[in-house]
Amino acid sequence: MKNFILLGSCICVLFFASCNDSDESGTATVNVRLTDGPADYDAVNIDIRGIEINSNGQWVALNFPNPGVYNLLNFKNGTDVVLGQAVLPEGEISQMRMILGPNNTLVVNGVTHPLQTPSAQQSGLKFNWHQTLAANGAYTVWIDFDAGKSIVTTGNGSYILKPVIRTFSELTNGQIKGYVQPAAAEAVVHAIVASDTIATAIPNTDGFFMFSGLPQGNYTVSYDADDGTGYVDENTGSVTVTFGQITDLGTKTLHP
């Protein structure tokens, strides 16, 4: 009888220890926001129906309360919009995917055109986000939907949506901001490494521009005036980008 009681006690101890081990697996909160690389259109309307995150090999749906059409051009120069939140188990994140609906349009010179969207993109447009989630952690990830690079014009004058998307988090967010004047120069700003243009910004009406999600490194910032305005292009070299900091270039004034 004593041996039986002892055996039963051991089983109970093992059972509760097993339960405690399973309870030790924690969760993390992921907040997802949408931002944009700018484009020279009136509107780029994307029909977003859902977002999913690949957590430890399993697809988990984002709590996405406002599915529908988003004009990407509303989210440039540091502006973004909250898409939703997910509570995920600690562990590895490898990919995300965006599920698109059919109501995608492009507005050019006041005329609305349908954006042809391949069916594979509607079933789930995949893009990478590599992150290790720690228990009790809180993370913010931005989906940077590059409107300018995502539109392809066909030979017959129609438009196809071929999304170019990258992601970055608070831990991988290099930023440059500043102003370019005067408005009459109609300048476009480029962030360049060596001879490669990493990002492009179309300033707001007040001249403000901002780059987000840049890799760390040294950049040249190019201010390119529109042809025909009479203003001269200028560059600012040796611009250092460090994660967690915003490099403020102040105001660049272009001259005729």
Protein backbone atom coordinates (compact mmCIF):
# COMPACT_ATOMS: atom_id res chain seq x y z
CA MET A 1 0.00 0.00 0.00
CA LYS A 2 2.81 2.45 0.85
CA ASN A 3 4.47 1.69 -2.48
CA PHE A 4 1.15 2.34 -4.29
CA ILE A 5 0.66 5.68 -2.52
CA LEU A 6 4.24 6.67 -3.30
CA LEU A 7 3.78 5.77 -6.97
CA GLY A 8 0.55 7.77 -7.14
CA SER A 9 2.26 10.78 -5.58
CA CYS A 10 5.06 10.59 -8.14
CA ILE A 11 2.56 10.48 -11.01
CA CYS A 12 0.79 13.58 -9.66
CA VAL A 13 4.09 15.44 -9.31
CA LEU A 14 5.03 14.58 -12.89
CA PHE A 15 1.58 15.63 -14.16
CA PHE A 16 1.71 19.04 -12.53
CA ALA A 17 5.32 19.57 -13.58
CA SER A 18 4.27 18.85 -17.17
CA CYS A 19 1.42 21.37 -16.88
CA ASN A 20 3.78 24.00 -15.51
CA ASP A 21 6.22 23.41 -18.36
CA SER A 22 3.48 24.00 -20.93
CA ASP A 23 2.35 27.13 -19.14
CA GLU A 24 5.85 28.56 -19.34
CA SER A 25 5.48 29.12 -23.08
CA GLY A 26 4.78 32.87 -23.27
CA THR A 27 3.19 35.15 -25.83
CA ALA A 28 4.09 38.45 -27.48
CA THR A 29 2.00 41.24 -28.96
CA VAL A 30 2.60 42.33 -32.56
CA ASN A 31 1.16 45.60 -33.88
CA VAL A 32 1.07 45.99 -37.67
CA ARG A 33 1.00 49.35 -39.46
CA LEU A 34 0.88 50.32 -43.15
CA THR A 35 3.10 52.96 -44.76
CA ASP A 36 4.10 53.78 -48.32
CA GLY A 37 6.86 54.67 -50.70
CA PRO A 38 5.40 57.55 -52.76
CA ALA A 39 4.30 57.60 -56.39
CA ASP A 40 3.39 60.27 -58.91
CA TYR A 41 -0.30 59.36 -59.20
CA ASP A 42 -3.51 60.89 -57.86
CA ALA A 43 -4.37 57.74 -55.86
CA VAL A 44 -3.30 54.10 -55.54
CA ASN A 45 -6.26 52.26 -53.99
CA ILE A 46 -5.50 48.79 -52.64
CA ASP A 47 -8.23 46.45 -51.40
CA ILE A 48 -6.78 44.77 -48.29
CA ARG A 49 -8.98 41.96 -46.95
CA GLY A 50 -6.68 40.31 -44.43
CA ILE A 51 -3.17 39.99 -42.96
CA GLU A 52 -1.60 36.77 -41.70
CA ILE A 53 1.69 36.13 -39.88
CA ASN A 54 3.70 32.93 -40.08
CA SER A 55 4.48 32.09 -36.45
CA ASN A 56 6.58 28.98 -35.78
CA GLY A 57 5.46 27.55 -39.12
CA GLN A 58 1.75 28.25 -38.64
CA TRP A 59 -0.28 31.02 -40.32
CA VAL A 60 -2.11 33.19 -37.78
CA ALA A 61 -4.68 35.81 -38.83
CA LEU A 62 -4.19 39.38 -37.65
CA ASN A 63 -7.08 40.96 -35.76
CA PHE A 64 -7.84 43.34 -38.66
CA PRO A 65 -10.96 45.37 -37.80
CA ASN A 66 -11.11 47.57 -40.93
CA PRO A 67 -10.69 45.53 -44.11
CA GLY A 68 -11.29 47.48 -47.29
CA VAL A 69 -9.71 49.94 -49.70
CA TYR A 70 -6.67 51.99 -48.62
CA ASN A 71 -5.18 54.81 -50.69
CA LEU A 72 -1.46 54.20 -50.27
CA LEU A 73 -0.62 57.80 -51.09
CA ASN A 74 -2.18 58.88 -47.79
CA PHE A 75 0.69 57.20 -45.93
CA LYS A 76 3.91 58.81 -47.12
CA ASN A 77 6.69 60.80 -45.40
CA GLY A 78 6.36 59.08 -42.04
CA THR A 79 2.56 58.87 -41.99
CA ASP A 80 1.06 55.43 -41.37
CA VAL A 81 -2.15 53.69 -40.35
CA VAL A 82 -2.78 50.89 -37.84
CA LEU A 83 -3.97 47.70 -39.51
CA GLY A 84 -4.35 45.52 -36.44
CA GLN A 85 -2.77 43.38 -33.76
CA ALA A 86 -1.94 39.75 -33.09
CA VAL A 87 -1.00 37.89 -29.91
CA LEU A 88 1.48 35.22 -30.91
CA PRO A 89 3.49 32.55 -29.10
CA GLU A 90 7.14 33.34 -28.49
CA GLY A 91 9.40 32.05 -31.22
CA GLU A 92 10.31 32.65 -34.81
CA ILE A 93 8.50 34.83 -37.35
CA SER A 94 9.52 34.26 -40.96
CA GLN A 95 6.84 35.65 -43.25
CA MET A 96 3.67 37.67 -43.52
CA ARG A 97 1.05 37.64 -46.20
CA MET A 98 -1.56 40.12 -47.37
CA ILE A 99 -4.84 38.95 -48.83
CA LEU A 100 -6.10 41.32 -51.51
CA GLY A 101 -9.61 41.83 -52.82
CA PRO A 102 -10.61 42.73 -56.39
CA ASN A 103 -11.31 46.46 -55.84
CA ASN A 104 -7.85 47.79 -56.71
CA THR A 105 -7.71 51.00 -58.76
CA LEU A 106 -5.28 53.65 -59.94
CA VAL A 107 -6.20 57.30 -60.45
CA VAL A 108 -4.10 59.14 -63.05
CA ASN A 109 -4.88 62.76 -64.01
CA GLY A 110 -8.33 62.40 -62.51
CA VAL A 111 -9.17 59.21 -64.44
CA THR A 112 -9.72 55.95 -62.52
CA HIS A 113 -8.23 52.80 -64.01
CA PRO A 114 -8.66 49.21 -62.79
CA LEU A 115 -5.50 47.60 -61.45
CA GLN A 116 -5.28 44.07 -62.76
CA THR A 117 -4.42 41.82 -59.83
CA PRO A 118 -3.20 38.23 -60.38
CA SER A 119 -5.32 35.67 -58.51
CA ALA A 120 -2.25 34.41 -56.62
CA GLN A 121 -1.95 37.82 -54.96
CA GLN A 122 -5.58 37.74 -53.88
CA SER A 123 -5.08 34.35 -52.24
CA GLY A 124 -2.07 35.60 -50.31
CA LEU A 125 0.77 37.94 -51.22
CA LYS A 126 3.78 36.75 -49.22
CA PHE A 127 6.69 38.87 -48.01
CA ASN A 128 9.43 38.33 -45.46
CA TRP A 129 9.60 39.51 -41.88
CA HIS A 130 12.26 37.80 -39.77
CA GLN A 131 11.89 38.35 -36.05
CA THR A 132 12.35 36.31 -32.87
CA LEU A 133 9.51 37.08 -30.47
CA ALA A 134 10.32 37.01 -26.77
CA ALA A 135 7.72 36.20 -24.11
CA ASN A 136 5.85 39.31 -22.92
CA GLY A 137 7.41 41.37 -25.72
CA ALA A 138 5.60 44.07 -27.70
CA TYR A 139 6.60 44.65 -31.31
CA THR A 140 5.60 47.08 -34.05
CA VAL A 141 6.14 46.16 -37.69
CA TRP A 142 5.53 48.40 -40.67
CA ILE A 143 4.41 47.06 -44.04
CA ASP A 144 5.99 49.44 -46.56
CA PHE A 145 3.96 49.09 -49.77
CA ASP A 146 5.98 50.85 -52.47
CA ALA A 147 3.28 52.34 -54.69
CA GLY A 148 5.72 53.75 -57.23
CA LYS A 149 7.42 50.41 -57.91
CA SER A 150 4.26 48.31 -57.68
CA ILE A 151 2.46 49.64 -60.77
CA VAL A 152 3.34 48.22 -64.20
CA THR A 153 2.01 49.82 -67.39
CA THR A 154 1.19 47.42 -70.22
CA GLY A 155 1.56 48.08 -73.92
CA ASN A 156 -2.17 48.72 -74.35
CA GLY A 157 -2.27 51.38 -71.64
CA SER A 158 -3.73 49.27 -68.83
CA TYR A 159 -2.13 48.83 -65.40
CA ILE A 160 -1.06 45.73 -63.46
CA LEU A 161 -0.46 45.56 -59.72
CA LYS A 162 2.83 43.79 -58.97
CA PRO A 163 3.40 44.68 -55.31
CA VAL A 164 6.85 45.59 -54.06
CA ILE A 165 6.73 45.28 -50.27
CA ARG A 166 9.30 45.40 -47.49
CA THR A 167 8.93 45.31 -43.74
CA PHE A 168 10.79 46.94 -40.91
CA SER A 169 10.40 47.13 -37.16
CA GLU A 170 11.39 49.58 -34.45
CA LEU A 171 14.67 47.68 -34.21
CA THR A 172 15.45 48.02 -37.94
CA ASN A 173 14.13 51.51 -38.69
CA GLY A 174 16.69 53.94 -40.02
CA GLN A 175 15.20 57.39 -40.68
CA ILE A 176 16.10 60.63 -42.44
CA LYS A 177 13.90 63.72 -42.42
CA GLY A 178 14.07 67.30 -43.60
CA TYR A 179 12.57 70.02 -45.79
CA VAL A 180 13.30 71.14 -49.32
CA GLN A 181 12.42 74.62 -50.57
CA PRO A 182 11.05 76.39 -52.52
CA ALA A 183 7.87 74.62 -53.58
CA ALA A 184 8.35 76.02 -57.09
CA ALA A 185 11.33 73.66 -57.57
CA GLU A 186 8.93 70.65 -57.38
CA ALA A 187 11.84 68.61 -56.03
CA VAL A 188 11.96 64.86 -55.51
CA VAL A 189 14.37 63.55 -52.86
CA HIS A 190 16.44 60.36 -53.12
CA ALA A 191 18.44 58.40 -50.52
CA ILE A 192 21.45 56.91 -52.29
CA VAL A 193 24.17 54.45 -51.29
CA ALA A 194 27.08 54.42 -53.74
CA SER A 195 25.17 54.67 -57.04
CA ASP A 196 22.06 52.80 -55.88
CA THR A 197 18.86 54.68 -55.05
CA ILE A 198 17.56 53.00 -51.89
CA ALA A 199 14.43 55.12 -51.42
CA THR A 200 12.59 58.06 -52.97
CA ALA A 201 10.41 60.69 -51.28
CA ILE A 202 7.94 63.12 -52.80
CA PRO A 203 7.79 66.00 -50.28
CA ASN A 204 4.55 67.30 -48.82
CA THR A 205 3.24 70.68 -49.94
CA ASP A 206 5.27 72.36 -47.16
CA GLY A 207 8.45 70.66 -48.36
CA PHE A 208 8.65 68.05 -45.60
CA PHE A 209 10.05 64.62 -46.50
CA MET A 210 10.93 61.56 -44.50
CA PHE A 211 12.56 58.22 -45.24
CA SER A 212 11.81 55.27 -42.94
CA GLY A 213 13.03 51.68 -42.82
CA LEU A 214 16.49 52.51 -44.19
CA PRO A 215 19.39 50.15 -43.47
CA GLN A 216 22.19 51.54 -41.34
CA GLY A 217 24.99 53.17 -43.28
CA ASN A 218 26.21 56.32 -45.00
CA TYR A 219 23.99 57.97 -47.60
CA THR A 220 23.96 60.75 -50.13
CA VAL A 221 20.67 62.63 -50.19
CA SER A 222 19.87 64.01 -53.63
CA TYR A 223 17.43 66.90 -54.15
CA ASP A 224 16.30 66.77 -57.78
CA ALA A 225 14.37 69.77 -59.07
CA ASP A 226 11.81 69.16 -61.76
CA ASP A 227 13.04 69.85 -65.29
CA GLY A 228 11.84 73.18 -66.58
CA THR A 229 11.56 74.89 -63.19
CA GLY A 230 14.96 76.52 -63.58
CA TYR A 231 16.22 75.29 -60.21
CA VAL A 232 19.52 73.43 -59.79
CA ASP A 233 19.79 69.95 -58.25
CA GLU A 234 21.84 69.62 -55.08
CA ASN A 235 23.25 66.80 -52.94
CA THR A 236 24.05 66.36 -49.26
CA GLY A 237 26.77 63.77 -48.69
CA SER A 238 27.96 61.72 -45.71
CA VAL A 239 24.51 61.38 -44.14
CA THR A 240 24.78 58.73 -41.41
CA VAL A 241 21.80 56.51 -40.63
CA THR A 242 21.67 54.66 -37.31
CA PHE A 243 18.82 52.45 -36.09
CA GLY A 244 16.74 54.08 -33.39
CA GLN A 245 17.69 57.61 -34.42
CA ILE A 246 16.22 60.16 -36.83
CA THR A 247 18.80 62.04 -38.87
CA ASP A 248 17.46 65.58 -39.31
CA LEU A 249 18.84 67.41 -42.34
CA GLY A 250 17.01 70.66 -41.65
CA THR A 251 15.99 72.72 -44.68
CA LYS A 252 17.66 72.52 -48.09
CA THR A 253 16.98 75.57 -50.28
CA LEU A 254 17.51 75.08 -54.01
CA HIS A 255 18.60 77.98 -56.18
CA PRO A 256 18.01 78.90 -59.83
